[in-house]
Amino acid sequence: MCESTRRYQVVGEAANGEAAWKQLRSTEPSLALIDLTLPGMHPLEVCRRSYESGLPTSIGVMTHRQDRRTHLEILRAHAAGVVLKTDPAEYLLDGLRRMAEGNIYVSGGIDALALFMSEGAPSTYDPVETLSAREHAVFSMLVRGIRPKEIAARLELSPKTVDTYRASLMRKLNIHDVAGLVKYALQRGLTE
C-alpha cells in the first residue's frame, strides 16, 4: 500500500524488535512503522533508543489496543504517532504523511482531546493509569503470555527487576496472579 502511493519506498522489514533496531541504525529511514506486538525487544524500547541515539527516523506505532494508557505510553516513548490497526487505509496514509512532515499523529479513531485532557481527572479513575511506564510494559507482555525471563531480556532488565515490577503492578491493580491479569486485560480490551 505504501509503495502504491509512490510517495514511500519500503527499504526494509523486520520480524522482531532487535532486527528492527538494527535496520533503523543501518538504513536511517525518514519514517518507520512498528507493530506494538512485535516480538523480541519491546517496540517502545526501539522508539526510546532511536530518540536517544538521535536517529532522524519518525516512528509510528500500530496497535489494536484502544486504551488511553497504551496510547500515552507510545507517545511518551517518543513515537511520532499512534495508528490503530482497525483504521481505514486513508487514516494510515494520512498518519504516514503527517509523521513524515515531522508532526505527531494520533489516529482518527482515537479521541485525541480525551487522550490528553483527562489525564489525572478523578472522575475517570482507572487503576491502569497508576502504572509506571515500565510496569505498563511488563503488564502488556505478561498478559500476552511472555515469561518474566523473556520480558527481562526484551527490556534489558534483570529478572529480579521484572519480578519487582510484576509485584508492584499486581498490587496496584489488586490482582494476585497472572491468570487474573490476563482475565482483567481481556475484559478491558487491553490485549488480543
C-alpha atoms as a PDB file:
ATOM      1  CA  MET A   1       0.000   0.000   0.000  1.00  0.00           C
ATOM      2  CA  CYS A   2       2.813   2.408   0.873  1.00  0.00           C
ATOM      3  CA  GLU A   3       4.636   1.831  -2.392  1.00  0.00           C
ATOM      4  CA  SER A   4       1.426   2.129  -4.419  1.00  0.00           C
ATOM      5  CA  THR A   5       1.143   5.786  -3.357  1.00  0.00           C
ATOM      6  CA  ARG A   6       4.542   6.430  -4.976  1.00  0.00           C
ATOM      7  CA  ARG A   7       5.316   8.675  -2.028  1.00  0.00           C
ATOM      8  CA  TYR A   8       7.044   5.986   0.030  1.00  0.00           C
ATOM      9  CA  GLN A   9       9.651   3.363  -0.691  1.00  0.00           C
ATOM     10  CA  VAL A  10       9.872   0.376   1.634  1.00  0.00           C
ATOM     11  CA  VAL A  11      13.561  -0.083   2.477  1.00  0.00           C
ATOM     12  CA  GLY A  12      13.226  -2.939   4.923  1.00  0.00           C
ATOM     13  CA  GLU A  13      11.128  -5.189   7.118  1.00  0.00           C
ATOM     14  CA  ALA A  14      11.882  -6.806  10.452  1.00  0.00           C
ATOM     15  CA  ALA A  15      10.421  -9.819  12.217  1.00  0.00           C
ATOM     16  CA  ASN A  16      11.397  -8.744  15.745  1.00  0.00           C
ATOM     17  CA  GLY A  17      12.461  -5.756  17.800  1.00  0.00           C
ATOM     18  CA  GLU A  18      16.181  -6.472  17.629  1.00  0.00           C
ATOM     19  CA  ALA A  19      16.098  -6.711  13.840  1.00  0.00           C
ATOM     20  CA  ALA A  20      14.011  -3.505  13.666  1.00  0.00           C
ATOM     21  CA  TRP A  21      16.571  -1.667  15.809  1.00  0.00           C
ATOM     22  CA  LYS A  22      19.464  -2.915  13.648  1.00  0.00           C
ATOM     23  CA  GLN A  23      17.680  -1.856  10.458  1.00  0.00           C
ATOM     24  CA  LEU A  24      16.872   1.566  11.855  1.00  0.00           C
ATOM     25  CA  ARG A  25      20.528   2.114  12.704  1.00  0.00           C
ATOM     26  CA  SER A  26      21.849   0.838   9.383  1.00  0.00           C
ATOM     27  CA  THR A  27      19.342   2.433   6.972  1.00  0.00           C
ATOM     28  CA  GLU A  28      18.227   5.509   8.975  1.00  0.00           C
ATOM     29  CA  PRO A  29      14.901   5.799   7.138  1.00  0.00           C
ATOM     30  CA  SER A  30      12.948   9.009   7.481  1.00  0.00           C
ATOM     31  CA  LEU A  31       9.898   7.044   8.619  1.00  0.00           C
ATOM     32  CA  ALA A  32       9.275   3.645  10.243  1.00  0.00           C
ATOM     33  CA  LEU A  33       6.100   1.828  11.225  1.00  0.00           C
ATOM     34  CA  ILE A  34       6.331  -0.699  14.074  1.00  0.00           C
ATOM     35  CA  ASP A  35       3.683  -3.095  15.374  1.00  0.00           C
ATOM     36  CA  LEU A  36       3.223  -2.905  19.151  1.00  0.00           C
ATOM     37  CA  THR A  37       3.100  -6.719  19.291  1.00  0.00           C
ATOM     38  CA  LEU A  38       6.492  -7.126  17.593  1.00  0.00           C
ATOM     39  CA  PRO A  39       8.367  -9.910  19.413  1.00  0.00           C
ATOM     40  CA  GLY A  40      11.829  -9.536  20.859  1.00  0.00           C
ATOM     41  CA  MET A  41      12.927  -6.094  22.005  1.00  0.00           C
ATOM     42  CA  HIS A  42       9.831  -4.171  23.074  1.00  0.00           C
ATOM     43  CA  PRO A  43       8.727  -1.773  20.317  1.00  0.00           C
ATOM     44  CA  LEU A  44       8.627   1.151  22.743  1.00  0.00           C
ATOM     45  CA  GLU A  45      12.219   0.396  23.681  1.00  0.00           C
ATOM     46  CA  VAL A  46      13.054   0.638  19.965  1.00  0.00           C
ATOM     47  CA  CYS A  47      11.377   4.079  19.921  1.00  0.00           C
ATOM     48  CA  ARG A  48      13.288   5.241  23.007  1.00  0.00           C
ATOM     49  CA  ARG A  49      16.622   4.032  21.658  1.00  0.00           C
ATOM     50  CA  SER A  50      16.016   5.704  18.327  1.00  0.00           C
ATOM     51  CA  TYR A  51      15.226   9.000  20.030  1.00  0.00           C
ATOM     52  CA  GLU A  52      18.132   8.795  22.493  1.00  0.00           C
ATOM     53  CA  SER A  53      20.644   7.976  19.774  1.00  0.00           C
ATOM     54  CA  GLY A  54      19.488  10.893  17.632  1.00  0.00           C
ATOM     55  CA  LEU A  55      18.329   8.886  14.628  1.00  0.00           C
ATOM     56  CA  PRO A  56      16.421  11.042  12.109  1.00  0.00           C
ATOM     57  CA  THR A  57      13.605   8.473  11.911  1.00  0.00           C
ATOM     58  CA  SER A  58       9.998   9.291  12.819  1.00  0.00           C
ATOM     59  CA  ILE A  59       8.470   6.103  14.208  1.00  0.00           C
ATOM     60  CA  GLY A  60       4.777   5.344  14.095  1.00  0.00           C
ATOM     61  CA  VAL A  61       3.395   2.548  16.245  1.00  0.00           C
ATOM     62  CA  MET A  62       0.490   0.389  15.094  1.00  0.00           C
ATOM     63  CA  THR A  63      -1.769  -1.204  17.694  1.00  0.00           C
ATOM     64  CA  HIS A  64      -5.170  -2.781  18.054  1.00  0.00           C
ATOM     65  CA  ARG A  65      -5.381  -1.528  21.648  1.00  0.00           C
ATOM     66  CA  GLN A  66      -7.917   1.191  22.316  1.00  0.00           C
ATOM     67  CA  ASP A  67      -6.949   2.134  25.877  1.00  0.00           C
ATOM     68  CA  ARG A  68      -5.740   5.623  26.657  1.00  0.00           C
ATOM     69  CA  ARG A  69      -2.782   4.441  28.717  1.00  0.00           C
ATOM     70  CA  THR A  70      -1.261   2.490  25.826  1.00  0.00           C
ATOM     71  CA  HIS A  71      -1.570   5.478  23.519  1.00  0.00           C
ATOM     72  CA  LEU A  72       0.068   7.773  26.080  1.00  0.00           C
ATOM     73  CA  GLU A  73       2.922   5.315  26.654  1.00  0.00           C
ATOM     74  CA  ILE A  74       3.534   5.119  22.910  1.00  0.00           C
ATOM     75  CA  LEU A  75       3.816   8.894  22.694  1.00  0.00           C
ATOM     76  CA  ARG A  76       5.941   9.086  25.856  1.00  0.00           C
ATOM     77  CA  ALA A  77       8.392   6.660  24.229  1.00  0.00           C
ATOM     78  CA  HIS A  78       8.998   9.390  21.615  1.00  0.00           C
ATOM     79  CA  ALA A  79       6.986   7.728  18.862  1.00  0.00           C
ATOM     80  CA  ALA A  80       5.808  10.125  16.186  1.00  0.00           C
ATOM     81  CA  GLY A  81       2.331   8.668  16.129  1.00  0.00           C
ATOM     82  CA  VAL A  82      -0.250   6.054  17.023  1.00  0.00           C
ATOM     83  CA  VAL A  83      -2.106   4.216  14.265  1.00  0.00           C
ATOM     84  CA  LEU A  84      -4.948   1.822  15.033  1.00  0.00           C
ATOM     85  CA  LYS A  85      -4.879  -1.444  13.094  1.00  0.00           C
ATOM     86  CA  THR A  86      -8.645  -1.167  12.683  1.00  0.00           C
ATOM     87  CA  ASP A  87      -8.366   2.192  10.894  1.00  0.00           C
ATOM     88  CA  PRO A  88      -9.183   2.507   7.222  1.00  0.00           C
ATOM     89  CA  ALA A  89      -6.247   2.795   4.814  1.00  0.00           C
ATOM     90  CA  GLU A  90      -6.727   6.542   4.364  1.00  0.00           C
ATOM     91  CA  TYR A  91      -6.066   7.100   8.094  1.00  0.00           C
ATOM     92  CA  LEU A  92      -2.802   5.162   7.822  1.00  0.00           C
ATOM     93  CA  LEU A  93      -1.692   7.129   4.769  1.00  0.00           C
ATOM     94  CA  ASP A  94      -2.681  10.410   6.418  1.00  0.00           C
ATOM     95  CA  GLY A  95      -0.729   9.404   9.504  1.00  0.00           C
ATOM     96  CA  LEU A  96       2.351   8.474   7.484  1.00  0.00           C
ATOM     97  CA  ARG A  97       2.204  11.806   5.662  1.00  0.00           C
ATOM     98  CA  ARG A  98       1.895  13.788   8.892  1.00  0.00           C
ATOM     99  CA  MET A  99       4.672  11.857  10.642  1.00  0.00           C
ATOM    100  CA  ALA A 100       6.950  12.247   7.597  1.00  0.00           C
ATOM    101  CA  GLU A 101       6.342  16.007   7.812  1.00  0.00           C
ATOM    102  CA  GLY A 102       7.568  15.961  11.414  1.00  0.00           C
ATOM    103  CA  ASN A 103       4.186  16.134  13.117  1.00  0.00           C
ATOM    104  CA  ILE A 104       2.766  13.969  15.881  1.00  0.00           C
ATOM    105  CA  TYR A 105      -0.121  11.845  14.629  1.00  0.00           C
ATOM    106  CA  VAL A 106      -2.919  10.344  16.678  1.00  0.00           C
ATOM    107  CA  SER A 107      -5.247   8.084  14.707  1.00  0.00           C
ATOM    108  CA  GLY A 108      -8.613   9.463  13.689  1.00  0.00           C
ATOM    109  CA  GLY A 109     -10.110   6.523  15.591  1.00  0.00           C
ATOM    110  CA  ILE A 110      -8.738   7.910  18.879  1.00  0.00           C
ATOM    111  CA  ASP A 111     -10.349  10.791  20.737  1.00  0.00           C
ATOM    112  CA  ALA A 112      -7.229  12.973  20.929  1.00  0.00           C
ATOM    113  CA  LEU A 113      -8.865  15.552  23.180  1.00  0.00           C
ATOM    114  CA  ALA A 114      -9.823  12.889  25.727  1.00  0.00           C
ATOM    115  CA  LEU A 115      -6.370  11.339  25.376  1.00  0.00           C
ATOM    116  CA  PHE A 116      -4.644  14.462  26.663  1.00  0.00           C
ATOM    117  CA  MET A 117      -7.300  16.327  28.645  1.00  0.00           C
ATOM    118  CA  SER A 118      -8.482  13.646  31.052  1.00  0.00           C
ATOM    119  CA  GLU A 119      -5.071  12.735  32.492  1.00  0.00           C
ATOM    120  CA  GLY A 120      -5.317  12.737  36.250  1.00  0.00           C
ATOM    121  CA  ALA A 121      -9.000  13.604  36.345  1.00  0.00           C
ATOM    122  CA  PRO A 122     -10.542  11.967  39.416  1.00  0.00           C
ATOM    123  CA  SER A 123     -13.838  11.225  37.658  1.00  0.00           C
ATOM    124  CA  THR A 124     -12.096   8.933  35.181  1.00  0.00           C
ATOM    125  CA  TYR A 125     -10.002   6.927  37.662  1.00  0.00           C
ATOM    126  CA  ASP A 126      -8.550   3.820  36.113  1.00  0.00           C
ATOM    127  CA  PRO A 127      -6.108   1.628  38.060  1.00  0.00           C
ATOM    128  CA  VAL A 128      -4.094   1.039  34.872  1.00  0.00           C
ATOM    129  CA  GLU A 129      -3.344   4.790  34.902  1.00  0.00           C
ATOM    130  CA  THR A 130      -1.372   4.323  38.136  1.00  0.00           C
ATOM    131  CA  LEU A 131       1.183   2.022  36.487  1.00  0.00           C
ATOM    132  CA  SER A 132       4.604   3.418  35.653  1.00  0.00           C
ATOM    133  CA  ALA A 133       5.879   3.104  32.083  1.00  0.00           C
ATOM    134  CA  ARG A 134       7.941   0.010  32.952  1.00  0.00           C
ATOM    135  CA  GLU A 135       5.085  -1.554  34.934  1.00  0.00           C
ATOM    136  CA  HIS A 136       2.813  -0.984  31.948  1.00  0.00           C
ATOM    137  CA  ALA A 137       5.325  -2.619  29.587  1.00  0.00           C
ATOM    138  CA  VAL A 138       5.683  -5.630  31.925  1.00  0.00           C
ATOM    139  CA  PHE A 139       1.878  -5.836  32.263  1.00  0.00           C
ATOM    140  CA  SER A 140       1.430  -5.755  28.475  1.00  0.00           C
ATOM    141  CA  MET A 141       3.898  -8.573  27.937  1.00  0.00           C
ATOM    142  CA  LEU A 142       2.682 -10.725  30.843  1.00  0.00           C
ATOM    143  CA  VAL A 143      -0.884 -10.726  29.520  1.00  0.00           C
ATOM    144  CA  ARG A 144       0.435 -11.786  26.094  1.00  0.00           C
ATOM    145  CA  GLY A 145       1.926 -14.871  27.739  1.00  0.00           C
ATOM    146  CA  ILE A 146       5.552 -13.791  27.693  1.00  0.00           C
ATOM    147  CA  ARG A 147       7.569 -15.293  30.548  1.00  0.00           C
ATOM    148  CA  PRO A 148       9.314 -12.976  33.013  1.00  0.00           C
ATOM    149  CA  LYS A 149      12.774 -14.134  31.903  1.00  0.00           C
ATOM    150  CA  GLU A 150      11.956 -13.199  28.284  1.00  0.00           C
ATOM    151  CA  ILE A 151      10.468  -9.869  29.438  1.00  0.00           C
ATOM    152  CA  ALA A 152      13.733  -9.151  31.237  1.00  0.00           C
ATOM    153  CA  ALA A 153      15.672  -9.836  28.040  1.00  0.00           C
ATOM    154  CA  ARG A 154      13.382  -7.690  25.903  1.00  0.00           C
ATOM    155  CA  LEU A 155      13.511  -4.727  28.279  1.00  0.00           C
ATOM    156  CA  GLU A 156      17.176  -5.295  29.118  1.00  0.00           C
ATOM    157  CA  LEU A 157      16.413  -5.633  32.827  1.00  0.00           C
ATOM    158  CA  SER A 158      17.337  -8.257  35.370  1.00  0.00           C
ATOM    159  CA  PRO A 159      14.727 -10.973  36.053  1.00  0.00           C
ATOM    160  CA  LYS A 160      14.587  -9.750  39.668  1.00  0.00           C
ATOM    161  CA  THR A 161      13.677  -6.231  38.490  1.00  0.00           C
ATOM    162  CA  VAL A 162      10.898  -7.670  36.324  1.00  0.00           C
ATOM    163  CA  ASP A 163       9.614  -9.578  39.374  1.00  0.00           C
ATOM    164  CA  THR A 164       9.593  -6.307  41.328  1.00  0.00           C
ATOM    165  CA  TYR A 165       7.605  -4.562  38.568  1.00  0.00           C
ATOM    166  CA  ARG A 166       5.207  -7.524  38.382  1.00  0.00           C
ATOM    167  CA  ALA A 167       4.592  -7.468  42.151  1.00  0.00           C
ATOM    168  CA  SER A 168       4.093  -3.701  42.111  1.00  0.00           C
ATOM    169  CA  LEU A 169       1.636  -3.697  39.205  1.00  0.00           C
ATOM    170  CA  MET A 170      -0.341  -6.584  40.709  1.00  0.00           C
ATOM    171  CA  ARG A 171      -0.601  -4.674  43.982  1.00  0.00           C
ATOM    172  CA  LYS A 172      -1.774  -1.520  42.170  1.00  0.00           C
ATOM    173  CA  LEU A 173      -4.384  -3.468  40.182  1.00  0.00           C
ATOM    174  CA  ASN A 174      -5.361  -5.598  43.215  1.00  0.00           C
ATOM    175  CA  ILE A 175      -4.819  -8.790  41.229  1.00  0.00           C
ATOM    176  CA  HIS A 176      -2.972 -11.718  42.737  1.00  0.00           C
ATOM    177  CA  ASP A 177      -1.864 -13.950  39.849  1.00  0.00           C
ATOM    178  CA  VAL A 178      -1.024 -13.830  36.153  1.00  0.00           C
ATOM    179  CA  ALA A 179      -4.278 -15.585  35.211  1.00  0.00           C
ATOM    180  CA  GLY A 180      -6.132 -12.753  36.930  1.00  0.00           C
ATOM    181  CA  LEU A 181      -4.078 -10.221  34.961  1.00  0.00           C
ATOM    182  CA  VAL A 182      -4.969 -11.948  31.694  1.00  0.00           C
ATOM    183  CA  LYS A 183      -8.678 -12.042  32.602  1.00  0.00           C
ATOM    184  CA  TYR A 184      -8.572  -8.359  33.572  1.00  0.00           C
ATOM    185  CA  ALA A 185      -6.819  -7.423  30.306  1.00  0.00           C
ATOM    186  CA  LEU A 186      -9.273  -9.425  28.188  1.00  0.00           C
ATOM    187  CA  GLN A 187     -12.298  -7.915  29.931  1.00  0.00           C
ATOM    188  CA  ARG A 188     -10.941  -4.414  29.411  1.00  0.00           C
ATOM    189  CA  GLY A 189      -9.843  -4.992  25.793  1.00  0.00           C
ATOM    190  CA  LEU A 190      -6.177  -4.420  26.705  1.00  0.00           C
ATOM    191  CA  THR A 191      -4.865  -7.437  24.795  1.00  0.00           C
ATOM    192  CA  GLU A 192      -5.721  -9.555  21.770  1.00  0.00           C
END
